[in-house]
């Protein structure tokens, strides 16, 4: 089964492919030679996921999955939130991480969560799936793996950051895997 994921992010595409498994062929915007910038001007994760999923479905007619994810930090009143990818620079996660660590330097409350909202847009309409993983922010960067804020996020009941975990371990507990699990549960009852 082919599913179009509204992203150019190779890491995101690979992660989704690994989680969904061999019964799916995950395609990206790059695979369809679509290079238009999708303006994510929604005011929530749901709104941005819908914008992406709807754009791709209208452009290709293929069932499309919009994904909006981010880091929500309690002590920062939910920031970076929907602005996670461009918090200090557009998709410059080194700068984004530095900004979050700087804003958190004197903060003892380090609670945070990652969230993924998926929006499937197909001929039957739009359907949302959400996943969250809770944890704490570290005070410095740990690990080389993963992407985004993975080097500063340590999930509950673990003593390593996402960036230090093998991909297979991260994919078992991540916010994206939880959202994709609810997506797969939906598909088992409502095949595309």
N, C-alpha and C. Protein backbone atom coordinates (compact mmCIF):
# COMPACT_ATOMS: atom_id res chain seq x y z
N UNK A 1 0.85 -1.18 0.00
CA UNK A 1 0.00 0.00 0.00
C UNK A 1 0.89 1.24 0.00
N UNK A 2 0.61 2.16 -0.90
CA UNK A 2 1.40 3.38 -0.99
C UNK A 2 0.74 4.49 -0.19
N UNK A 3 1.56 5.22 0.54
CA UNK A 3 1.07 6.37 1.30
C UNK A 3 2.03 7.53 1.05
N UNK A 4 1.50 8.68 0.74
CA UNK A 4 2.31 9.88 0.50
C UNK A 4 2.40 10.66 1.80
N UNK A 5 3.62 10.87 2.27
CA UNK A 5 3.85 11.66 3.47
C UNK A 5 4.29 13.04 3.04
N UNK A 6 3.62 14.04 3.55
CA UNK A 6 3.84 15.44 3.14
C UNK A 6 5.11 15.99 3.77
N UNK A 7 6.26 15.54 3.25
CA UNK A 7 7.54 15.99 3.78
C UNK A 7 8.63 15.86 2.73
N UNK A 8 9.66 16.67 2.87
CA UNK A 8 10.91 16.49 2.13
C UNK A 8 11.97 15.93 3.08
N UNK A 9 11.63 15.80 4.35
CA UNK A 9 12.57 15.39 5.38
C UNK A 9 12.83 13.88 5.26
N UNK A 10 14.02 13.53 4.80
CA UNK A 10 14.38 12.13 4.59
C UNK A 10 14.35 11.35 5.90
N UNK A 11 14.81 11.98 7.00
CA UNK A 11 14.79 11.31 8.31
C UNK A 11 13.36 10.91 8.69
N UNK A 12 12.43 11.84 8.49
CA UNK A 12 11.03 11.59 8.84
C UNK A 12 10.46 10.47 7.96
N UNK A 13 10.74 10.53 6.65
CA UNK A 13 10.26 9.50 5.73
C UNK A 13 10.79 8.13 6.14
N UNK A 14 12.10 8.04 6.42
CA UNK A 14 12.71 6.75 6.81
C UNK A 14 12.12 6.24 8.12
N UNK A 15 11.93 7.14 9.08
CA UNK A 15 11.38 6.73 10.36
C UNK A 15 9.97 6.17 10.19
N UNK A 16 9.15 6.85 9.38
CA UNK A 16 7.79 6.39 9.14
C UNK A 16 7.81 5.04 8.41
N UNK A 17 8.69 4.89 7.43
CA UNK A 17 8.80 3.62 6.71
C UNK A 17 9.17 2.49 7.65
N UNK A 18 10.15 2.73 8.54
CA UNK A 18 10.58 1.70 9.49
C UNK A 18 9.44 1.30 10.43
N UNK A 19 8.67 2.26 10.86
CA UNK A 19 7.59 1.97 11.80
C UNK A 19 6.44 1.26 11.10
N UNK A 20 6.08 1.71 9.91
CA UNK A 20 4.95 1.10 9.19
C UNK A 20 5.28 -0.28 8.64
N UNK A 21 6.54 -0.49 8.27
CA UNK A 21 6.94 -1.82 7.81
C UNK A 21 6.75 -2.04 6.32
N UNK A 22 7.00 -3.28 5.93
CA UNK A 22 7.10 -3.61 4.50
C UNK A 22 5.77 -3.67 3.77
N UNK A 23 4.64 -3.65 4.49
CA UNK A 23 3.34 -3.63 3.81
C UNK A 23 3.01 -2.27 3.22
N UNK A 24 3.85 -1.28 3.52
CA UNK A 24 3.63 0.08 3.04
C UNK A 24 4.81 0.54 2.22
N UNK A 25 4.52 1.33 1.20
CA UNK A 25 5.57 2.02 0.46
C UNK A 25 5.38 3.50 0.74
N UNK A 26 6.26 4.03 1.58
CA UNK A 26 6.15 5.43 1.98
C UNK A 26 6.84 6.29 0.92
N UNK A 27 6.10 7.25 0.40
CA UNK A 27 6.62 8.19 -0.59
C UNK A 27 6.64 9.58 0.04
N UNK A 28 7.55 10.41 -0.45
CA UNK A 28 7.65 11.79 0.04
C UNK A 28 7.34 12.74 -1.11
N UNK A 29 7.29 14.02 -0.79
CA UNK A 29 7.09 15.04 -1.81
C UNK A 29 8.19 14.97 -2.86
N UNK A 30 9.41 14.70 -2.43
CA UNK A 30 10.54 14.59 -3.35
C UNK A 30 10.30 13.47 -4.36
N UNK A 31 9.76 12.34 -3.90
CA UNK A 31 9.48 11.21 -4.79
C UNK A 31 8.48 11.59 -5.89
N UNK A 32 7.59 12.52 -5.59
CA UNK A 32 6.60 12.99 -6.56
C UNK A 32 7.04 14.24 -7.30
N UNK A 33 8.30 14.65 -7.06
CA UNK A 33 8.86 15.83 -7.70
C UNK A 33 8.01 17.08 -7.42
N UNK A 34 7.50 17.15 -6.20
CA UNK A 34 6.75 18.32 -5.75
C UNK A 34 7.68 19.14 -4.85
N UNK A 35 8.01 20.32 -5.28
CA UNK A 35 8.97 21.13 -4.53
C UNK A 35 8.38 22.46 -4.07
N UNK A 36 7.07 22.63 -4.22
CA UNK A 36 6.43 23.84 -3.73
C UNK A 36 6.59 23.90 -2.21
N UNK A 37 6.71 25.11 -1.69
CA UNK A 37 6.74 25.27 -0.24
C UNK A 37 5.31 25.25 0.27
N UNK A 38 5.04 24.36 1.21
CA UNK A 38 3.72 24.31 1.82
C UNK A 38 3.75 25.26 3.02
N UNK A 39 2.93 26.28 3.00
CA UNK A 39 2.93 27.28 4.06
C UNK A 39 2.16 26.73 5.26
N UNK A 40 2.90 26.48 6.34
CA UNK A 40 2.29 25.97 7.57
C UNK A 40 1.93 27.17 8.45
N UNK A 41 0.75 27.73 8.22
CA UNK A 41 0.36 28.91 8.99
C UNK A 41 -0.80 28.61 9.94
N UNK A 42 -0.98 27.34 10.26
CA UNK A 42 -2.01 26.97 11.23
C UNK A 42 -1.63 27.39 12.63
N UNK A 43 -2.61 27.38 13.52
CA UNK A 43 -2.35 27.78 14.91
C UNK A 43 -2.28 26.59 15.86
N UNK A 44 -2.17 25.38 15.30
CA UNK A 44 -2.08 24.18 16.13
C UNK A 44 -1.41 23.08 15.32
N UNK A 45 -0.99 22.02 16.01
CA UNK A 45 -0.43 20.86 15.32
C UNK A 45 -1.46 20.27 14.36
N UNK A 46 -2.71 20.18 14.80
CA UNK A 46 -3.77 19.62 13.94
C UNK A 46 -3.93 20.44 12.67
N UNK A 47 -3.96 21.76 12.81
CA UNK A 47 -4.17 22.64 11.65
C UNK A 47 -3.02 22.49 10.65
N UNK A 48 -1.79 22.43 11.14
CA UNK A 48 -0.65 22.29 10.23
C UNK A 48 -0.61 20.93 9.57
N UNK A 49 -0.95 19.87 10.30
CA UNK A 49 -1.00 18.52 9.71
C UNK A 49 -2.05 18.47 8.60
N UNK A 50 -3.20 19.12 8.84
CA UNK A 50 -4.26 19.16 7.83
C UNK A 50 -3.79 19.92 6.58
N UNK A 51 -3.15 21.06 6.77
CA UNK A 51 -2.67 21.86 5.63
C UNK A 51 -1.78 20.99 4.74
N UNK A 52 -0.86 20.24 5.35
CA UNK A 52 0.09 19.42 4.58
C UNK A 52 -0.60 18.25 3.90
N UNK A 53 -1.43 17.53 4.66
CA UNK A 53 -2.12 16.37 4.09
C UNK A 53 -3.06 16.76 2.96
N UNK A 54 -3.79 17.83 3.15
CA UNK A 54 -4.76 18.29 2.15
C UNK A 54 -4.05 18.75 0.87
N UNK A 55 -2.97 19.49 1.03
CA UNK A 55 -2.20 19.96 -0.11
C UNK A 55 -1.76 18.77 -0.98
N UNK A 56 -1.19 17.75 -0.35
CA UNK A 56 -0.67 16.60 -1.10
C UNK A 56 -1.78 15.79 -1.75
N UNK A 57 -2.88 15.61 -1.04
CA UNK A 57 -3.99 14.86 -1.63
C UNK A 57 -4.56 15.60 -2.83
N UNK A 58 -4.73 16.91 -2.70
CA UNK A 58 -5.26 17.69 -3.82
C UNK A 58 -4.30 17.70 -5.01
N UNK A 59 -3.01 17.65 -4.75
CA UNK A 59 -2.00 17.70 -5.81
C UNK A 59 -1.87 16.36 -6.53
N UNK A 60 -2.05 15.23 -5.80
CA UNK A 60 -1.75 13.91 -6.38
C UNK A 60 -2.94 12.96 -6.45
N UNK A 61 -3.96 13.19 -5.62
CA UNK A 61 -5.07 12.25 -5.54
C UNK A 61 -4.74 11.00 -4.74
N UNK A 62 -3.52 10.93 -4.19
CA UNK A 62 -3.08 9.78 -3.39
C UNK A 62 -3.43 10.02 -1.92
N UNK A 63 -3.80 8.95 -1.19
CA UNK A 63 -3.98 9.12 0.25
C UNK A 63 -2.71 9.75 0.83
N UNK A 64 -2.89 10.85 1.55
CA UNK A 64 -1.74 11.64 2.00
C UNK A 64 -1.77 11.84 3.50
N UNK A 65 -0.59 11.77 4.07
CA UNK A 65 -0.44 11.89 5.52
C UNK A 65 0.34 13.15 5.83
N UNK A 66 -0.34 14.13 6.43
CA UNK A 66 0.33 15.32 6.93
C UNK A 66 0.81 15.02 8.34
N UNK A 67 2.01 15.45 8.66
CA UNK A 67 2.61 15.18 9.96
C UNK A 67 3.09 16.51 10.52
N UNK A 68 2.62 16.87 11.70
CA UNK A 68 3.18 18.02 12.38
C UNK A 68 3.60 17.57 13.76
N UNK A 69 4.85 17.81 14.06
CA UNK A 69 5.43 17.34 15.32
C UNK A 69 6.17 18.47 15.99
N UNK A 70 6.37 18.33 17.28
CA UNK A 70 7.14 19.35 17.96
C UNK A 70 7.42 19.00 19.40
N UNK A 71 8.23 19.85 20.00
CA UNK A 71 8.61 19.73 21.40
C UNK A 71 7.83 20.77 22.19
N UNK A 72 7.18 20.32 23.25
CA UNK A 72 6.39 21.20 24.10
C UNK A 72 7.03 21.19 25.50
N UNK A 73 7.52 22.35 25.93
CA UNK A 73 8.25 22.47 27.19
C UNK A 73 7.40 23.21 28.21
N UNK A 74 7.15 22.54 29.32
CA UNK A 74 6.28 23.09 30.37
C UNK A 74 6.76 24.46 30.86
N UNK A 75 8.05 24.57 31.20
CA UNK A 75 8.58 25.81 31.76
C UNK A 75 8.63 26.95 30.75
N UNK A 76 8.51 26.63 29.47
CA UNK A 76 8.52 27.66 28.42
C UNK A 76 7.11 27.94 27.90
N UNK A 77 6.12 27.61 28.73
CA UNK A 77 4.72 27.85 28.36
C UNK A 77 4.35 27.18 27.04
N UNK A 78 4.92 25.99 26.81
CA UNK A 78 4.58 25.22 25.62
C UNK A 78 5.48 25.45 24.42
N UNK A 79 6.38 26.43 24.52
CA UNK A 79 7.32 26.64 23.41
C UNK A 79 8.32 25.50 23.38
N UNK A 80 8.95 25.22 22.26
CA UNK A 80 8.77 25.82 20.95
C UNK A 80 7.48 25.41 20.24
N UNK A 81 6.85 24.31 20.64
CA UNK A 81 5.53 23.95 20.12
C UNK A 81 5.49 23.86 18.61
N UNK A 82 4.49 24.51 18.00
CA UNK A 82 4.32 24.41 16.55
C UNK A 82 5.46 25.10 15.79
N UNK A 83 6.29 25.84 16.50
CA UNK A 83 7.43 26.51 15.87
C UNK A 83 8.74 25.72 16.06
N UNK A 84 8.65 24.47 16.47
CA UNK A 84 9.83 23.68 16.81
C UNK A 84 10.89 23.66 15.71
N UNK A 85 10.49 23.50 14.46
CA UNK A 85 11.47 23.37 13.37
C UNK A 85 12.14 24.70 13.03
N UNK A 86 11.54 25.80 13.42
CA UNK A 86 12.10 27.10 13.05
C UNK A 86 12.22 28.02 14.28
N UNK A 87 12.48 27.42 15.43
CA UNK A 87 12.50 28.17 16.68
C UNK A 87 13.61 29.23 16.70
N UNK A 88 14.81 28.86 16.23
CA UNK A 88 15.91 29.83 16.22
C UNK A 88 16.47 30.02 14.81
N UNK A 89 16.02 29.20 13.91
CA UNK A 89 16.48 29.26 12.53
C UNK A 89 15.77 28.17 11.77
N UNK A 90 15.41 28.42 10.54
CA UNK A 90 14.61 27.47 9.78
C UNK A 90 15.31 26.13 9.63
N UNK A 91 14.82 25.14 10.33
CA UNK A 91 15.35 23.77 10.31
C UNK A 91 16.83 23.71 10.69
N UNK A 92 17.28 24.66 11.50
CA UNK A 92 18.65 24.64 12.01
C UNK A 92 18.56 24.14 13.46
N UNK A 93 18.59 22.79 13.58
CA UNK A 93 18.33 22.24 14.90
C UNK A 93 19.47 22.46 15.88
N UNK A 94 20.67 22.71 15.39
CA UNK A 94 21.75 23.05 16.32
C UNK A 94 21.41 24.36 17.02
N UNK A 95 20.98 25.36 16.25
CA UNK A 95 20.60 26.66 16.83
C UNK A 95 19.34 26.52 17.67
N UNK A 96 18.39 25.72 17.21
CA UNK A 96 17.15 25.52 17.97
C UNK A 96 17.45 24.92 19.35
N UNK A 97 18.32 23.90 19.36
CA UNK A 97 18.70 23.26 20.63
C UNK A 97 19.40 24.27 21.53
N UNK A 98 20.33 25.03 20.97
CA UNK A 98 21.06 26.03 21.77
C UNK A 98 20.08 27.03 22.39
N UNK A 99 19.08 27.45 21.63
CA UNK A 99 18.11 28.42 22.14
C UNK A 99 17.31 27.83 23.29
N UNK A 100 16.83 26.59 23.13
CA UNK A 100 16.06 25.95 24.21
C UNK A 100 16.93 25.77 25.45
N UNK A 101 18.15 25.27 25.28
CA UNK A 101 19.04 25.08 26.43
C UNK A 101 19.35 26.40 27.12
N UNK A 102 19.53 27.47 26.35
CA UNK A 102 19.79 28.78 26.93
C UNK A 102 18.58 29.27 27.73
N UNK A 103 17.39 29.12 27.17
CA UNK A 103 16.18 29.55 27.87
C UNK A 103 15.92 28.71 29.12
N UNK A 104 16.45 27.50 29.15
CA UNK A 104 16.21 26.58 30.28
C UNK A 104 17.36 26.56 31.28
N UNK A 105 18.39 27.37 31.08
CA UNK A 105 19.62 27.22 31.87
C UNK A 105 19.41 27.36 33.38
N UNK A 106 18.49 28.19 33.83
CA UNK A 106 18.26 28.37 35.27
C UNK A 106 16.97 27.68 35.73
N UNK A 107 16.41 26.84 34.88
CA UNK A 107 15.10 26.24 35.15
C UNK A 107 15.26 24.85 35.77
N UNK A 108 14.57 24.63 36.90
CA UNK A 108 14.62 23.30 37.52
C UNK A 108 13.53 22.39 36.97
N UNK A 109 12.41 22.95 36.55
CA UNK A 109 11.34 22.15 35.94
C UNK A 109 11.73 21.87 34.49
N UNK A 110 12.12 20.64 34.21
CA UNK A 110 12.61 20.29 32.88
C UNK A 110 11.64 19.37 32.13
N UNK A 111 10.37 19.34 32.61
CA UNK A 111 9.36 18.47 31.98
C UNK A 111 9.02 18.96 30.58
N UNK A 112 8.87 17.99 29.68
CA UNK A 112 8.55 18.29 28.29
C UNK A 112 7.91 17.06 27.65
N UNK A 113 7.30 17.27 26.51
CA UNK A 113 6.85 16.13 25.72
C UNK A 113 6.99 16.42 24.24
N UNK A 114 7.20 15.35 23.51
CA UNK A 114 7.14 15.40 22.06
C UNK A 114 5.74 15.00 21.65
N UNK A 115 5.22 15.65 20.63
CA UNK A 115 3.90 15.33 20.10
C UNK A 115 3.98 15.20 18.59
N UNK A 116 3.26 14.25 18.06
CA UNK A 116 3.04 14.13 16.62
C UNK A 116 1.55 14.08 16.38
N UNK A 117 1.09 14.89 15.46
CA UNK A 117 -0.29 14.80 14.97
C UNK A 117 -0.20 14.44 13.49
N UNK A 118 -0.85 13.34 13.13
CA UNK A 118 -0.95 12.93 11.74
C UNK A 118 -2.36 13.24 11.26
N UNK A 119 -2.46 13.70 10.04
CA UNK A 119 -3.76 13.90 9.42
C UNK A 119 -3.77 13.18 8.08
N UNK A 120 -4.57 12.12 8.01
CA UNK A 120 -4.76 11.39 6.76
C UNK A 120 -5.86 12.09 5.98
N UNK A 121 -5.53 12.47 4.75
CA UNK A 121 -6.53 13.05 3.86
C UNK A 121 -6.66 12.11 2.67
N UNK A 122 -7.88 11.62 2.48
CA UNK A 122 -8.16 10.74 1.34
C UNK A 122 -9.57 11.05 0.84
N UNK A 123 -10.09 10.22 -0.04
CA UNK A 123 -11.40 10.48 -0.64
C UNK A 123 -12.51 10.52 0.40
N UNK A 124 -12.30 9.90 1.56
CA UNK A 124 -13.35 9.88 2.58
C UNK A 124 -13.28 11.07 3.54
N UNK A 125 -12.26 11.93 3.38
CA UNK A 125 -12.17 13.10 4.26
C UNK A 125 -10.85 13.16 5.00
N UNK A 126 -10.89 13.68 6.23
CA UNK A 126 -9.68 13.83 7.03
C UNK A 126 -9.83 13.11 8.36
N UNK A 127 -8.74 12.52 8.80
CA UNK A 127 -8.73 11.69 10.01
C UNK A 127 -7.44 12.00 10.77
N UNK A 128 -7.56 12.22 12.08
CA UNK A 128 -6.41 12.63 12.89
C UNK A 128 -5.96 11.51 13.82
N UNK A 129 -4.63 11.46 14.03
CA UNK A 129 -4.02 10.47 14.92
C UNK A 129 -2.92 11.19 15.70
N UNK A 130 -2.89 10.99 17.01
CA UNK A 130 -1.94 11.72 17.85
C UNK A 130 -1.12 10.77 18.70
N UNK A 131 0.13 11.13 18.89
CA UNK A 131 1.01 10.39 19.80
C UNK A 131 1.85 11.36 20.60
N UNK A 132 2.08 11.00 21.86
CA UNK A 132 2.93 11.82 22.74
C UNK A 132 3.87 10.93 23.51
N UNK A 133 5.04 11.47 23.81
CA UNK A 133 5.96 10.81 24.72
C UNK A 133 6.48 11.88 25.68
N UNK A 134 6.40 11.56 26.97
CA UNK A 134 6.76 12.51 28.02
C UNK A 134 8.17 12.22 28.54
N UNK A 135 8.83 13.26 29.01
CA UNK A 135 10.17 13.09 29.56
C UNK A 135 10.69 14.40 30.11
N UNK A 136 12.01 14.50 30.14
CA UNK A 136 12.69 15.67 30.68
C UNK A 136 13.78 16.13 29.72
N UNK A 137 14.06 17.42 29.74
CA UNK A 137 15.16 17.95 28.95
C UNK A 137 16.46 17.82 29.73
N UNK A 138 17.52 17.45 29.03
CA UNK A 138 18.84 17.40 29.64
C UNK A 138 19.40 18.82 29.67
N UNK A 139 20.55 18.99 30.33
CA UNK A 139 21.17 20.31 30.39
C UNK A 139 22.22 20.51 29.31
N UNK A 140 22.51 19.43 28.60
CA UNK A 140 23.46 19.50 27.49
C UNK A 140 23.10 18.43 26.47
N UNK A 141 23.78 18.47 25.34
CA UNK A 141 23.53 17.54 24.23
C UNK A 141 24.17 16.18 24.53
N UNK A 142 23.39 15.11 24.29
CA UNK A 142 23.91 13.75 24.43
C UNK A 142 23.50 12.94 23.21
N UNK A 143 24.49 12.33 22.55
CA UNK A 143 24.20 11.42 21.44
C UNK A 143 24.29 12.07 20.09
N UNK A 144 24.51 11.22 19.10
CA UNK A 144 24.70 11.67 17.72
C UNK A 144 23.54 11.25 16.82
N UNK A 145 22.69 10.35 17.28
CA UNK A 145 21.63 9.81 16.43
C UNK A 145 20.40 10.69 16.42
N UNK A 146 19.36 10.18 15.75
CA UNK A 146 18.10 10.90 15.71
C UNK A 146 18.21 12.20 14.95
N UNK A 147 17.26 13.07 15.19
CA UNK A 147 17.26 14.39 14.56
C UNK A 147 16.43 15.31 15.42
N UNK A 148 16.43 16.59 15.05
CA UNK A 148 15.65 17.56 15.82
C UNK A 148 16.19 17.70 17.23
N UNK A 149 15.28 17.67 18.19
CA UNK A 149 15.64 17.88 19.59
C UNK A 149 16.02 16.57 20.30
N UNK A 150 16.18 15.49 19.57
CA UNK A 150 16.49 14.18 20.18
C UNK A 150 17.67 14.22 21.15
N UNK A 151 18.76 15.00 20.88
CA UNK A 151 19.91 14.97 21.78
C UNK A 151 19.67 15.61 23.15
N UNK A 152 18.54 16.29 23.35
CA UNK A 152 18.30 16.90 24.68
C UNK A 152 17.02 16.37 25.33
N UNK A 153 16.42 15.32 24.76
CA UNK A 153 15.17 14.79 25.31
C UNK A 153 15.38 13.37 25.81
N UNK A 154 15.14 13.19 27.13
CA UNK A 154 15.24 11.88 27.76
C UNK A 154 13.83 11.43 28.17
N UNK A 155 13.31 10.41 27.48
CA UNK A 155 11.95 9.97 27.80
C UNK A 155 11.86 9.35 29.19
N UNK A 156 10.68 9.46 29.79
CA UNK A 156 10.45 8.85 31.10
C UNK A 156 10.85 7.38 31.08
N UNK A 157 11.37 6.90 32.21
CA UNK A 157 11.77 5.50 32.40
C UNK A 157 12.96 5.09 31.53
N UNK A 158 13.73 6.05 31.06
CA UNK A 158 14.94 5.77 30.29
C UNK A 158 16.07 6.65 30.83
N UNK A 159 17.30 6.18 30.66
CA UNK A 159 18.43 6.98 31.12
C UNK A 159 19.32 7.41 29.97
N UNK A 160 18.74 7.42 28.75
CA UNK A 160 19.44 7.93 27.58
C UNK A 160 18.49 8.83 26.80
N UNK A 161 19.08 9.74 26.05
CA UNK A 161 18.26 10.59 25.18
C UNK A 161 17.85 9.79 23.94
N UNK A 162 16.88 10.32 23.20
CA UNK A 162 16.49 9.70 21.94
C UNK A 162 17.70 9.57 21.01
N UNK A 163 18.61 10.56 21.04
CA UNK A 163 19.77 10.56 20.14
C UNK A 163 20.79 9.49 20.50
N UNK A 164 20.74 8.98 21.74
CA UNK A 164 21.66 7.92 22.16
C UNK A 164 21.10 6.53 21.93
N UNK A 165 19.80 6.44 21.67
CA UNK A 165 19.14 5.14 21.51
C UNK A 165 19.34 4.58 20.11
N UNK A 166 19.41 3.25 20.02
CA UNK A 166 19.33 2.66 18.68
C UNK A 166 17.97 3.04 18.07
N UNK A 167 17.94 3.20 16.75
CA UNK A 167 16.72 3.61 16.07
C UNK A 167 15.56 2.67 16.40
N UNK A 168 15.85 1.38 16.47
CA UNK A 168 14.78 0.41 16.74
C UNK A 168 14.15 0.64 18.11
N UNK A 169 14.96 1.04 19.09
CA UNK A 169 14.43 1.30 20.44
C UNK A 169 13.60 2.58 20.46
N UNK A 170 14.12 3.63 19.83
CA UNK A 170 13.38 4.90 19.76
C UNK A 170 12.04 4.68 19.07
N UNK A 171 12.05 3.93 17.96
CA UNK A 171 10.83 3.73 17.19
C UNK A 171 9.76 2.95 17.94
N UNK A 172 10.14 2.24 18.98
CA UNK A 172 9.15 1.51 19.79
C UNK A 172 8.37 2.44 20.72
N UNK A 173 9.00 3.56 21.10
CA UNK A 173 8.38 4.40 22.14
C UNK A 173 8.11 5.83 21.71
N UNK A 174 8.52 6.21 20.51
CA UNK A 174 8.43 7.62 20.12
C UNK A 174 7.00 8.09 19.91
N UNK A 175 6.84 9.40 19.94
CA UNK A 175 5.57 10.06 19.67
C UNK A 175 5.06 9.70 18.28
N UNK A 176 5.97 9.66 17.31
CA UNK A 176 5.56 9.33 15.94
C UNK A 176 5.07 7.89 15.86
N UNK A 177 5.77 6.97 16.55
CA UNK A 177 5.33 5.56 16.51
C UNK A 177 3.96 5.40 17.17
N UNK A 178 3.70 6.16 18.23
CA UNK A 178 2.38 6.07 18.88
C UNK A 178 1.28 6.59 17.96
N UNK A 179 1.55 7.69 17.25
CA UNK A 179 0.56 8.22 16.31
C UNK A 179 0.36 7.24 15.15
N UNK A 180 1.46 6.66 14.66
CA UNK A 180 1.34 5.70 13.55
C UNK A 180 0.62 4.43 13.98
N UNK A 181 0.76 4.04 15.25
CA UNK A 181 0.03 2.86 15.74
C UNK A 181 -1.48 3.12 15.67
N UNK A 182 -1.92 4.30 16.09
CA UNK A 182 -3.36 4.58 16.01
C UNK A 182 -3.80 4.68 14.55
N UNK A 183 -2.91 5.15 13.68
CA UNK A 183 -3.18 5.18 12.24
C UNK A 183 -3.36 3.75 11.70
N UNK A 184 -2.46 2.85 12.09
CA UNK A 184 -2.57 1.45 11.65
C UNK A 184 -3.83 0.79 12.20
N UNK A 185 -4.18 1.09 13.44
CA UNK A 185 -5.42 0.56 14.02
C UNK A 185 -6.62 1.02 13.19
N UNK A 186 -6.61 2.29 12.79
CA UNK A 186 -7.68 2.84 11.96
C UNK A 186 -7.75 2.10 10.62
N UNK A 187 -6.59 1.88 10.00
CA UNK A 187 -6.55 1.22 8.69
C UNK A 187 -7.02 -0.22 8.76
N UNK A 188 -6.83 -0.87 9.91
CA UNK A 188 -7.28 -2.27 10.03
C UNK A 188 -8.79 -2.36 9.95
N UNK A 189 -9.49 -1.29 10.29
CA UNK A 189 -10.95 -1.24 10.23
C UNK A 189 -11.42 -0.51 8.97
N UNK A 190 -10.64 0.46 8.52
CA UNK A 190 -11.01 1.31 7.37
C UNK A 190 -9.89 1.28 6.32
N UNK A 191 -9.76 0.19 5.56
CA UNK A 191 -8.66 0.15 4.58
C UNK A 191 -8.80 1.25 3.53
N UNK A 192 -7.65 1.71 3.05
CA UNK A 192 -7.65 2.78 2.03
C UNK A 192 -8.13 2.23 0.69
